[in-house]
Amino acid sequence: GGHDTGAPEIDPSDYPAEVGVLARALDDALARIGAFVERERHFTANASHELRTPVTVISGAVELLEAHPDATEPSFSRPLRRIRRATEAMEETIGIFLLLAREDAVRSGGSPVSLRNVALDVVDQLHSLVEDRPVAVEVDVDPDIRIAVDERVLGIVLGNLVRNALQRVEHGHVRIKATPAGLEVSDTGPGIPADLLDQVTGRGVRGSSGGHGLGLAIVRTLCERCGWKLGIDSTEGEGTRIVLLLDSALSFTSSSRPDHRRLTGDS
């Protein structure tokens, strides 16, 4: 005993001799699994903390370069923006790993939050992903909709979904919309080929699968922790629609007019 795997401990003394041998073996197996999970959790936390220092150094260097007199030159500003976006993505990923390393940090409940405000915050954070592309972001969520969820986790999940969409779309729109049971993120991107859709919706998510990669794997893990569900519907050449089911018992309205935002490098 002494392990914490989420399963009840087995006391071999409660069983006859023959069954007690099996009970002891199961108890030992649970202890090994518990120790492995704990090691993985500590490794994730420690590695994430170690990565914070070099990422902070890079972020500071980018700030200095952005203040350089030549920073507005396209040959200078474009790669600088790419470095900035990559650094911000690394910072967010490190934060997510630290969150996942704390089992008690991810929960399904929380204080009631405005879904519209979460969606608008995500859009503001990701506006730099679109430079010269004619891509509009539409937030179609009634301001009165509130739900008791962990705002930080919802922001991470929605942010990853929107980031994936913005990275795919060359023209058209990315839409965040309220549904009867949660939120929906749709785009007019290239879609996901039918032969890759199973990979994207399954556990073996790869970075080559339409640009979803680690982001969708993280989303799926967080959703499982919170008891949320994720559905993907995609048509190659037309676009992708991802539905995030927060709670099947929720009652949503969507009476507001879409908030259209055209994202450019100067937004």
C-alpha atoms as a PDB file:
ATOM      1  CA  GLY A   1       0.000   0.000   0.000  1.00  0.00           C
ATOM      2  CA  GLY A   2       0.908   3.634   0.425  1.00  0.00           C
ATOM      3  CA  HIS A   3       0.449   4.396  -3.282  1.00  0.00           C
ATOM      4  CA  ASP A   4      -2.079   6.788  -4.757  1.00  0.00           C
ATOM      5  CA  THR A   5      -3.274   5.650  -8.176  1.00  0.00           C
ATOM      6  CA  GLY A   6      -6.908   6.553  -7.808  1.00  0.00           C
ATOM      7  CA  ALA A   7      -7.787   2.878  -7.251  1.00  0.00           C
ATOM      8  CA  PRO A   8      -8.565   1.342  -3.852  1.00  0.00           C
ATOM      9  CA  GLU A   9      -5.736  -0.497  -2.119  1.00  0.00           C
ATOM     10  CA  ILE A  10      -5.942  -4.254  -1.932  1.00  0.00           C
ATOM     11  CA  ASP A  11      -5.287  -5.936   1.404  1.00  0.00           C
ATOM     12  CA  PRO A  12      -4.163  -9.532   0.718  1.00  0.00           C
ATOM     13  CA  SER A  13      -5.052 -10.536   4.294  1.00  0.00           C
ATOM     14  CA  ASP A  14      -8.735 -10.113   3.446  1.00  0.00           C
ATOM     15  CA  TYR A  15      -8.609 -13.053   1.031  1.00  0.00           C
ATOM     16  CA  PRO A  16      -7.934 -16.824   1.161  1.00  0.00           C
ATOM     17  CA  ALA A  17      -4.325 -17.908   0.618  1.00  0.00           C
ATOM     18  CA  GLU A  18      -4.633 -18.583  -3.131  1.00  0.00           C
ATOM     19  CA  VAL A  19      -6.522 -15.363  -3.843  1.00  0.00           C
ATOM     20  CA  GLY A  20      -4.212 -13.513  -1.471  1.00  0.00           C
ATOM     21  CA  VAL A  21      -1.252 -14.236  -3.788  1.00  0.00           C
ATOM     22  CA  LEU A  22      -3.123 -12.642  -6.679  1.00  0.00           C
ATOM     23  CA  ALA A  23      -4.247  -9.728  -4.486  1.00  0.00           C
ATOM     24  CA  ARG A  24      -0.623  -9.136  -3.426  1.00  0.00           C
ATOM     25  CA  ALA A  25       0.512  -9.143  -7.054  1.00  0.00           C
ATOM     26  CA  LEU A  26      -2.208  -6.645  -8.004  1.00  0.00           C
ATOM     27  CA  ASP A  27      -1.302  -4.421  -5.072  1.00  0.00           C
ATOM     28  CA  ASP A  28       2.365  -4.439  -6.125  1.00  0.00           C
ATOM     29  CA  ALA A  29       1.376  -3.612  -9.692  1.00  0.00           C
ATOM     30  CA  LEU A  30      -0.721  -0.672  -8.505  1.00  0.00           C
ATOM     31  CA  ALA A  31       2.210   0.554  -6.419  1.00  0.00           C
ATOM     32  CA  ARG A  32       4.548   0.437  -9.445  1.00  0.00           C
ATOM     33  CA  ILE A  33       2.000   2.258 -11.607  1.00  0.00           C
ATOM     34  CA  GLY A  34       1.537   4.898  -8.921  1.00  0.00           C
ATOM     35  CA  ALA A  35       5.297   5.407  -8.631  1.00  0.00           C
ATOM     36  CA  PHE A  36       5.620   5.686 -12.419  1.00  0.00           C
ATOM     37  CA  VAL A  37       2.846   8.295 -12.640  1.00  0.00           C
ATOM     38  CA  GLU A  38       4.454  10.296  -9.849  1.00  0.00           C
ATOM     39  CA  ARG A  39       7.874  10.182 -11.554  1.00  0.00           C
ATOM     40  CA  GLU A  40       6.331  11.338 -14.824  1.00  0.00           C
ATOM     41  CA  ARG A  41       4.586  14.192 -13.046  1.00  0.00           C
ATOM     42  CA  HIS A  42       7.769  15.329 -11.313  1.00  0.00           C
ATOM     43  CA  PHE A  43       9.755  15.074 -14.544  1.00  0.00           C
ATOM     44  CA  THR A  44       7.211  17.177 -16.441  1.00  0.00           C
ATOM     45  CA  ALA A  45       7.220  19.842 -13.726  1.00  0.00           C
ATOM     46  CA  ASN A  46      11.017  19.938 -13.373  1.00  0.00           C
ATOM     47  CA  ALA A  47      11.664  19.990 -17.124  1.00  0.00           C
ATOM     48  CA  SER A  48       9.125  22.794 -17.565  1.00  0.00           C
ATOM     49  CA  HIS A  49      10.760  24.879 -14.843  1.00  0.00           C
ATOM     50  CA  GLU A  50      14.175  24.351 -16.461  1.00  0.00           C
ATOM     51  CA  LEU A  51      12.841  25.507 -19.834  1.00  0.00           C
ATOM     52  CA  ARG A  52      11.454  28.713 -18.383  1.00  0.00           C
ATOM     53  CA  THR A  53      14.888  30.330 -17.958  1.00  0.00           C
ATOM     54  CA  PRO A  54      16.119  30.076 -21.575  1.00  0.00           C
ATOM     55  CA  VAL A  55      12.684  31.071 -22.907  1.00  0.00           C
ATOM     56  CA  THR A  56      12.720  34.129 -20.636  1.00  0.00           C
ATOM     57  CA  VAL A  57      16.181  35.031 -21.990  1.00  0.00           C
ATOM     58  CA  ILE A  58      14.928  34.746 -25.581  1.00  0.00           C
ATOM     59  CA  SER A  59      11.876  36.850 -24.768  1.00  0.00           C
ATOM     60  CA  GLY A  60      14.068  39.560 -23.241  1.00  0.00           C
ATOM     61  CA  ALA A  61      16.373  39.553 -26.253  1.00  0.00           C
ATOM     62  CA  VAL A  62      13.384  39.921 -28.588  1.00  0.00           C
ATOM     63  CA  GLU A  63      12.209  42.967 -26.620  1.00  0.00           C
ATOM     64  CA  LEU A  64      15.632  44.568 -27.060  1.00  0.00           C
ATOM     65  CA  LEU A  65      15.634  43.829 -30.795  1.00  0.00           C
ATOM     66  CA  GLU A  66      12.113  45.225 -31.172  1.00  0.00           C
ATOM     67  CA  ALA A  67      13.402  48.535 -29.781  1.00  0.00           C
ATOM     68  CA  HIS A  68      16.187  48.663 -32.397  1.00  0.00           C
ATOM     69  CA  PRO A  69      15.885  51.537 -34.933  1.00  0.00           C
ATOM     70  CA  ASP A  70      15.835  49.039 -37.821  1.00  0.00           C
ATOM     71  CA  ALA A  71      13.063  46.944 -36.252  1.00  0.00           C
ATOM     72  CA  THR A  72      10.462  48.343 -38.673  1.00  0.00           C
ATOM     73  CA  GLU A  73      12.346  47.146 -41.754  1.00  0.00           C
ATOM     74  CA  PRO A  74      10.456  44.149 -43.263  1.00  0.00           C
ATOM     75  CA  SER A  75      13.627  42.059 -43.536  1.00  0.00           C
ATOM     76  CA  PHE A  76      14.129  42.625 -39.810  1.00  0.00           C
ATOM     77  CA  SER A  77      10.561  42.815 -38.476  1.00  0.00           C
ATOM     78  CA  ARG A  78       9.158  39.694 -40.142  1.00  0.00           C
ATOM     79  CA  PRO A  79      11.625  37.173 -38.679  1.00  0.00           C
ATOM     80  CA  LEU A  80      11.423  39.075 -35.386  1.00  0.00           C
ATOM     81  CA  ARG A  81       7.656  38.582 -35.310  1.00  0.00           C
ATOM     82  CA  ARG A  82       8.128  34.886 -36.013  1.00  0.00           C
ATOM     83  CA  ILE A  83      10.568  34.619 -33.102  1.00  0.00           C
ATOM     84  CA  ARG A  84       8.111  36.489 -30.875  1.00  0.00           C
ATOM     85  CA  ARG A  85       5.230  34.167 -31.829  1.00  0.00           C
ATOM     86  CA  ALA A  86       7.375  31.065 -31.313  1.00  0.00           C
ATOM     87  CA  THR A  87       8.531  32.327 -27.917  1.00  0.00           C
ATOM     88  CA  GLU A  88       4.973  33.069 -26.812  1.00  0.00           C
ATOM     89  CA  ALA A  89       3.916  29.595 -27.954  1.00  0.00           C
ATOM     90  CA  MET A  90       6.754  28.027 -25.952  1.00  0.00           C
ATOM     91  CA  GLU A  91       5.808  30.049 -22.874  1.00  0.00           C
ATOM     92  CA  GLU A  92       2.216  28.878 -23.153  1.00  0.00           C
ATOM     93  CA  THR A  93       3.254  25.256 -23.677  1.00  0.00           C
ATOM     94  CA  ILE A  94       5.494  25.368 -20.600  1.00  0.00           C
ATOM     95  CA  GLY A  95       2.606  26.778 -18.595  1.00  0.00           C
ATOM     96  CA  ILE A  96       0.339  23.992 -19.829  1.00  0.00           C
ATOM     97  CA  PHE A  97       2.831  21.290 -18.872  1.00  0.00           C
ATOM     98  CA  LEU A  98       3.135  22.775 -15.392  1.00  0.00           C
ATOM     99  CA  LEU A  99      -0.646  22.785 -15.166  1.00  0.00           C
ATOM    100  CA  LEU A 100      -0.884  19.154 -16.259  1.00  0.00           C
ATOM    101  CA  ALA A 101       1.796  18.163 -13.753  1.00  0.00           C
ATOM    102  CA  ARG A 102      -0.509  19.322 -10.964  1.00  0.00           C
ATOM    103  CA  GLU A 103      -3.332  16.795 -10.868  1.00  0.00           C
ATOM    104  CA  ASP A 104      -5.503  18.988  -8.678  1.00  0.00           C
ATOM    105  CA  ALA A 105      -5.037  22.071 -10.857  1.00  0.00           C
ATOM    106  CA  VAL A 106      -7.424  20.925 -13.594  1.00  0.00           C
ATOM    107  CA  ARG A 107     -11.020  20.776 -12.581  1.00  0.00           C
ATOM    108  CA  SER A 108     -14.365  20.883 -14.320  1.00  0.00           C
ATOM    109  CA  GLY A 109     -15.890  23.568 -12.119  1.00  0.00           C
ATOM    110  CA  GLY A 110     -15.021  27.069 -11.017  1.00  0.00           C
ATOM    111  CA  SER A 111     -16.580  30.507 -10.661  1.00  0.00           C
ATOM    112  CA  PRO A 112     -19.039  31.447 -13.442  1.00  0.00           C
ATOM    113  CA  VAL A 113     -17.182  33.073 -16.329  1.00  0.00           C
ATOM    114  CA  SER A 114     -18.341  34.839 -19.467  1.00  0.00           C
ATOM    115  CA  LEU A 115     -17.726  32.617 -22.490  1.00  0.00           C
ATOM    116  CA  ARG A 116     -17.702  35.683 -24.718  1.00  0.00           C
ATOM    117  CA  ASN A 117     -14.958  37.346 -22.657  1.00  0.00           C
ATOM    118  CA  VAL A 118     -12.833  34.181 -22.770  1.00  0.00           C
ATOM    119  CA  ALA A 119     -13.282  34.016 -26.559  1.00  0.00           C
ATOM    120  CA  LEU A 120     -12.411  37.708 -27.053  1.00  0.00           C
ATOM    121  CA  ASP A 121      -9.310  37.358 -24.841  1.00  0.00           C
ATOM    122  CA  VAL A 122      -8.157  34.411 -26.975  1.00  0.00           C
ATOM    123  CA  VAL A 123      -8.643  36.435 -30.167  1.00  0.00           C
ATOM    124  CA  ASP A 124      -6.689  39.384 -28.757  1.00  0.00           C
ATOM    125  CA  GLN A 125      -3.806  37.127 -27.731  1.00  0.00           C
ATOM    126  CA  LEU A 126      -3.564  35.452 -31.141  1.00  0.00           C
ATOM    127  CA  HIS A 127      -4.093  38.398 -33.489  1.00  0.00           C
ATOM    128  CA  SER A 128      -0.405  38.436 -34.472  1.00  0.00           C
ATOM    129  CA  LEU A 129      -0.720  34.998 -36.112  1.00  0.00           C
ATOM    130  CA  VAL A 130      -2.281  36.621 -39.167  1.00  0.00           C
ATOM    131  CA  GLU A 131      -0.133  39.134 -40.999  1.00  0.00           C
ATOM    132  CA  ASP A 132      -1.255  40.088 -44.523  1.00  0.00           C
ATOM    133  CA  ARG A 133      -3.878  37.375 -44.969  1.00  0.00           C
ATOM    134  CA  PRO A 134      -7.517  38.439 -45.443  1.00  0.00           C
ATOM    135  CA  VAL A 135      -8.804  36.460 -42.481  1.00  0.00           C
ATOM    136  CA  ALA A 136     -11.640  37.639 -40.236  1.00  0.00           C
ATOM    137  CA  VAL A 137     -12.359  36.276 -36.782  1.00  0.00           C
ATOM    138  CA  GLU A 138     -16.007  36.175 -35.747  1.00  0.00           C
ATOM    139  CA  VAL A 139     -17.036  35.810 -32.110  1.00  0.00           C
ATOM    140  CA  ASP A 140     -20.703  34.835 -32.051  1.00  0.00           C
ATOM    141  CA  VAL A 141     -21.333  34.323 -28.343  1.00  0.00           C
ATOM    142  CA  ASP A 142     -24.079  36.028 -26.344  1.00  0.00           C
ATOM    143  CA  PRO A 143     -22.515  38.215 -23.607  1.00  0.00           C
ATOM    144  CA  ASP A 144     -25.018  36.873 -21.066  1.00  0.00           C
ATOM    145  CA  ILE A 145     -23.788  33.264 -21.340  1.00  0.00           C
ATOM    146  CA  ARG A 146     -21.873  32.275 -18.224  1.00  0.00           C
ATOM    147  CA  ILE A 147     -20.703  28.858 -17.102  1.00  0.00           C
ATOM    148  CA  ALA A 148     -18.891  27.539 -14.037  1.00  0.00           C
ATOM    149  CA  VAL A 149     -15.626  26.296 -15.557  1.00  0.00           C
ATOM    150  CA  ASP A 150     -11.945  26.769 -14.866  1.00  0.00           C
ATOM    151  CA  GLU A 151     -11.349  29.923 -16.934  1.00  0.00           C
ATOM    152  CA  ARG A 152      -7.631  29.219 -17.319  1.00  0.00           C
ATOM    153  CA  VAL A 153      -8.228  25.721 -18.711  1.00  0.00           C
ATOM    154  CA  LEU A 154     -11.015  26.900 -21.035  1.00  0.00           C
ATOM    155  CA  GLY A 155      -8.726  29.645 -22.327  1.00  0.00           C
ATOM    156  CA  ILE A 156      -5.952  27.136 -23.043  1.00  0.00           C
ATOM    157  CA  VAL A 157      -8.306  24.742 -24.816  1.00  0.00           C
ATOM    158  CA  LEU A 158     -10.004  27.422 -26.897  1.00  0.00           C
ATOM    159  CA  GLY A 159      -6.685  29.154 -27.596  1.00  0.00           C
ATOM    160  CA  ASN A 160      -5.183  25.979 -29.041  1.00  0.00           C
ATOM    161  CA  LEU A 161      -8.246  25.369 -31.231  1.00  0.00           C
ATOM    162  CA  VAL A 162      -8.234  28.943 -32.553  1.00  0.00           C
ATOM    163  CA  ARG A 163      -4.459  28.922 -33.078  1.00  0.00           C
ATOM    164  CA  ASN A 164      -4.702  25.757 -35.166  1.00  0.00           C
ATOM    165  CA  ALA A 165      -7.450  27.335 -37.254  1.00  0.00           C
ATOM    166  CA  LEU A 166      -5.572  30.607 -37.805  1.00  0.00           C
ATOM    167  CA  GLN A 167      -2.451  28.745 -38.874  1.00  0.00           C
ATOM    168  CA  ARG A 168      -4.398  26.899 -41.578  1.00  0.00           C
ATOM    169  CA  VAL A 169      -6.633  29.600 -43.053  1.00  0.00           C
ATOM    170  CA  GLU A 170      -5.257  31.662 -45.950  1.00  0.00           C
ATOM    171  CA  HIS A 171      -8.473  33.589 -46.592  1.00  0.00           C
ATOM    172  CA  GLY A 172     -11.996  33.598 -45.237  1.00  0.00           C
ATOM    173  CA  HIS A 173     -12.791  33.377 -41.555  1.00  0.00           C
ATOM    174  CA  VAL A 174     -12.406  31.640 -38.240  1.00  0.00           C
ATOM    175  CA  ARG A 175     -15.629  31.625 -36.214  1.00  0.00           C
ATOM    176  CA  ILE A 176     -16.124  31.036 -32.488  1.00  0.00           C
ATOM    177  CA  LYS A 177     -19.780  30.313 -31.863  1.00  0.00           C
ATOM    178  CA  ALA A 178     -21.911  29.260 -28.913  1.00  0.00           C
ATOM    179  CA  THR A 179     -23.743  25.945 -29.271  1.00  0.00           C
ATOM    180  CA  PRO A 180     -26.482  24.379 -27.111  1.00  0.00           C
ATOM    181  CA  ALA A 181     -23.786  22.532 -25.138  1.00  0.00           C
ATOM    182  CA  GLY A 182     -20.590  24.531 -25.430  1.00  0.00           C
ATOM    183  CA  LEU A 183     -18.521  26.225 -28.112  1.00  0.00           C
ATOM    184  CA  GLU A 184     -17.708  25.622 -31.751  1.00  0.00           C
ATOM    185  CA  VAL A 185     -14.618  26.726 -33.682  1.00  0.00           C
ATOM    186  CA  SER A 186     -14.990  26.600 -37.470  1.00  0.00           C
ATOM    187  CA  ASP A 187     -12.716  27.777 -40.255  1.00  0.00           C
ATOM    188  CA  THR A 188     -12.535  28.066 -44.027  1.00  0.00           C
ATOM    189  CA  GLY A 189      -9.146  26.416 -44.208  1.00  0.00           C
ATOM    190  CA  PRO A 190      -8.037  23.517 -46.417  1.00  0.00           C
ATOM    191  CA  GLY A 191      -9.761  20.940 -44.233  1.00  0.00           C
ATOM    192  CA  ILE A 192      -8.348  17.610 -43.145  1.00  0.00           C
ATOM    193  CA  PRO A 193      -8.000  14.769 -45.676  1.00  0.00           C
ATOM    194  CA  ALA A 194     -10.307  11.860 -44.912  1.00  0.00           C
ATOM    195  CA  ASP A 195      -7.373   9.464 -44.487  1.00  0.00           C
ATOM    196  CA  LEU A 196      -5.866  11.722 -41.790  1.00  0.00           C
ATOM    197  CA  LEU A 197      -9.069  12.539 -39.931  1.00  0.00           C
ATOM    198  CA  ASP A 198      -8.880   9.357 -37.837  1.00  0.00           C
ATOM    199  CA  GLN A 199      -5.315  10.233 -36.814  1.00  0.00           C
ATOM    200  CA  VAL A 200      -6.355  13.726 -35.777  1.00  0.00           C
ATOM    201  CA  THR A 201      -9.381  12.579 -33.784  1.00  0.00           C
ATOM    202  CA  GLY A 202      -7.540   9.643 -32.212  1.00  0.00           C
ATOM    203  CA  ARG A 203      -4.772   9.524 -29.633  1.00  0.00           C
ATOM    204  CA  GLY A 204      -1.920   9.247 -32.122  1.00  0.00           C
ATOM    205  CA  VAL A 205      -2.015  12.938 -33.041  1.00  0.00           C
ATOM    206  CA  ARG A 206       0.908  13.940 -35.225  1.00  0.00           C
ATOM    207  CA  GLY A 207       2.141  17.360 -36.189  1.00  0.00           C
ATOM    208  CA  SER A 208       1.722  16.552 -39.876  1.00  0.00           C
ATOM    209  CA  SER A 209      -2.004  15.985 -39.504  1.00  0.00           C
ATOM    210  CA  GLY A 210      -3.252  19.292 -40.827  1.00  0.00           C
ATOM    211  CA  GLY A 211      -1.234  21.374 -38.397  1.00  0.00           C
ATOM    212  CA  HIS A 212      -3.011  20.101 -35.298  1.00  0.00           C
ATOM    213  CA  GLY A 213      -0.097  18.303 -33.645  1.00  0.00           C
ATOM    214  CA  LEU A 214       0.682  18.771 -29.976  1.00  0.00           C
ATOM    215  CA  GLY A 215      -1.983  21.451 -29.566  1.00  0.00           C
ATOM    216  CA  LEU A 216      -4.845  19.054 -30.156  1.00  0.00           C
ATOM    217  CA  ALA A 217      -3.223  16.371 -28.018  1.00  0.00           C
ATOM    218  CA  ILE A 218      -3.071  18.871 -25.131  1.00  0.00           C
ATOM    219  CA  VAL A 219      -6.658  19.917 -25.782  1.00  0.00           C
ATOM    220  CA  ARG A 220      -7.825  16.319 -25.658  1.00  0.00           C
ATOM    221  CA  THR A 221      -5.956  15.658 -22.398  1.00  0.00           C
ATOM    222  CA  LEU A 222      -7.397  18.738 -20.703  1.00  0.00           C
ATOM    223  CA  CYS A 223     -10.892  17.892 -21.928  1.00  0.00           C
ATOM    224  CA  GLU A 224     -10.598  14.380 -20.501  1.00  0.00           C
ATOM    225  CA  ARG A 225      -9.512  15.820 -17.143  1.00  0.00           C
ATOM    226  CA  CYS A 226     -12.519  18.162 -17.074  1.00  0.00           C
ATOM    227  CA  GLY A 227     -15.051  15.703 -18.435  1.00  0.00           C
ATOM    228  CA  TRP A 228     -15.540  17.734 -21.640  1.00  0.00           C
ATOM    229  CA  LYS A 229     -15.924  16.189 -25.089  1.00  0.00           C
ATOM    230  CA  LEU A 230     -14.383  17.142 -28.414  1.00  0.00           C
ATOM    231  CA  GLY A 231     -15.829  16.493 -31.852  1.00  0.00           C
ATOM    232  CA  ILE A 232     -14.211  17.200 -35.239  1.00  0.00           C
ATOM    233  CA  ASP A 233     -15.965  17.486 -38.584  1.00  0.00           C
ATOM    234  CA  SER A 234     -13.835  18.379 -41.604  1.00  0.00           C
ATOM    235  CA  THR A 235     -14.238  18.455 -45.369  1.00  0.00           C
ATOM    236  CA  GLU A 236     -11.083  18.638 -47.464  1.00  0.00           C
ATOM    237  CA  GLY A 237     -11.013  21.853 -49.474  1.00  0.00           C
ATOM    238  CA  GLU A 238     -13.839  23.467 -47.483  1.00  0.00           C
ATOM    239  CA  GLY A 239     -12.862  23.759 -43.839  1.00  0.00           C
ATOM    240  CA  THR A 240     -12.952  22.275 -40.364  1.00  0.00           C
ATOM    241  CA  ARG A 241     -15.452  22.505 -37.509  1.00  0.00           C
ATOM    242  CA  ILE A 242     -14.493  21.521 -33.962  1.00  0.00           C
ATOM    243  CA  VAL A 243     -17.195  21.274 -31.316  1.00  0.00           C
ATOM    244  CA  LEU A 244     -16.286  21.564 -27.638  1.00  0.00           C
ATOM    245  CA  LEU A 245     -18.993  20.066 -25.420  1.00  0.00           C
ATOM    246  CA  LEU A 246     -18.630  21.553 -21.951  1.00  0.00           C
ATOM    247  CA  ASP A 247     -21.793  20.165 -20.412  1.00  0.00           C
ATOM    248  CA  SER A 248     -24.696  18.445 -22.148  1.00  0.00           C
ATOM    249  CA  ALA A 249     -27.122  19.974 -19.621  1.00  0.00           C
ATOM    250  CA  LEU A 250     -26.234  23.581 -20.460  1.00  0.00           C
ATOM    251  CA  SER A 251     -28.757  25.821 -22.150  1.00  0.00           C
ATOM    252  CA  PHE A 252     -27.173  28.394 -24.443  1.00  0.00           C
ATOM    253  CA  THR A 253     -28.550  31.230 -26.517  1.00  0.00           C
ATOM    254  CA  SER A 254     -26.795  32.881 -29.438  1.00  0.00           C
ATOM    255  CA  SER A 255     -28.832  35.983 -30.182  1.00  0.00           C
ATOM    256  CA  SER A 256     -25.948  38.419 -30.508  1.00  0.00           C
ATOM    257  CA  ARG A 257     -24.637  39.617 -33.829  1.00  0.00           C
ATOM    258  CA  PRO A 258     -21.193  38.266 -34.745  1.00  0.00           C
ATOM    259  CA  ASP A 259     -18.253  40.428 -33.715  1.00  0.00           C
ATOM    260  CA  HIS A 260     -16.196  40.584 -36.909  1.00  0.00           C
ATOM    261  CA  ARG A 261     -12.490  41.280 -36.496  1.00  0.00           C
ATOM    262  CA  ARG A 262     -10.080  41.394 -39.403  1.00  0.00           C
ATOM    263  CA  LEU A 263      -6.676  40.408 -38.206  1.00  0.00           C
ATOM    264  CA  THR A 264      -3.563  41.871 -39.780  1.00  0.00           C
ATOM    265  CA  GLY A 265      -0.008  42.347 -38.665  1.00  0.00           C
ATOM    266  CA  ASP A 266      -0.897  45.887 -37.596  1.00  0.00           C
ATOM    267  CA  SER A 267      -3.918  44.891 -35.471  1.00  0.00           C
END
